[in-house]
Amino acid sequence: MELFYNKFYFRPRYIARSIYSMIVDSTQRRKLLKEGAQYLSYMKKRKRAAGCQ
């Protein structure tokens, strides 16, 4: 599952579109930055939980 999410969110086209929308729209910038932080936090917790098992 982690591989799927990484392949989706770290595609060059997705990143470029996200950066463009963040430059143009400040509301979108806040939303995407918040979602990005949540995603990275989730993946960090997931890796930590997988390492404990």
Protein backbone atom coordinates (compact mmCIF):
# COMPACT_ATOMS: atom_id res chain seq x y z
CA MET A 1 0.00 0.00 0.00
CA GLU A 2 2.84 2.35 0.82
CA LEU A 3 4.35 1.77 -2.61
CA PHE A 4 1.05 2.68 -4.28
CA TYR A 5 0.74 5.96 -2.37
CA ASN A 6 4.36 6.89 -3.00
CA LYS A 7 4.01 6.18 -6.71
CA PHE A 8 0.87 8.32 -6.87
CA TYR A 9 1.90 11.32 -4.77
CA PHE A 10 5.50 11.57 -5.93
CA ARG A 11 4.79 11.58 -9.67
CA PRO A 12 6.41 14.58 -11.40
CA ARG A 13 3.14 15.60 -13.07
CA TYR A 14 1.19 15.52 -9.78
CA ILE A 15 3.91 17.52 -8.02
CA ALA A 16 4.04 20.10 -10.82
CA ARG A 17 0.25 20.53 -10.83
CA SER A 18 0.21 20.86 -7.05
CA ILE A 19 2.98 23.46 -7.03
CA TYR A 20 1.22 25.46 -9.74
CA SER A 21 -2.09 25.40 -7.87
CA MET A 22 -0.32 26.44 -4.65
CA ILE A 23 1.27 29.42 -6.41
CA VAL A 24 -2.04 30.55 -7.90
CA ASP A 25 -4.40 29.93 -4.97
CA SER A 26 -3.47 30.54 -1.32
CA THR A 27 -6.45 28.51 -0.06
CA GLN A 28 -5.32 25.54 -2.12
CA ARG A 29 -1.76 26.05 -0.84
CA ARG A 30 -2.89 25.74 2.79
CA LYS A 31 -5.02 22.70 1.97
CA LEU A 32 -2.27 20.85 0.07
CA LEU A 33 0.39 21.63 2.67
CA LYS A 34 -1.88 20.35 5.43
CA GLU A 35 -2.69 17.19 3.46
CA GLY A 36 1.00 16.65 2.71
CA ALA A 37 1.93 16.93 6.37
CA GLN A 38 -0.86 14.50 7.29
CA TYR A 39 0.32 12.02 4.64
CA LEU A 40 3.92 12.12 5.81
CA SER A 41 2.86 11.77 9.44
CA TYR A 42 0.64 8.79 8.58
CA MET A 43 3.43 7.05 6.68
CA LYS A 44 5.89 7.69 9.50
CA LYS A 45 3.49 6.14 12.04
CA ARG A 46 2.83 3.23 9.71
CA LYS A 47 6.55 2.49 9.32
CA ARG A 48 7.04 2.75 13.08
CA ALA A 49 4.14 0.35 13.74
CA ALA A 50 5.42 -2.11 11.13
CA GLY A 51 8.85 -2.10 12.74
CA CYS A 52 7.43 -2.99 16.17
CA GLN A 53 5.71 -6.17 14.99
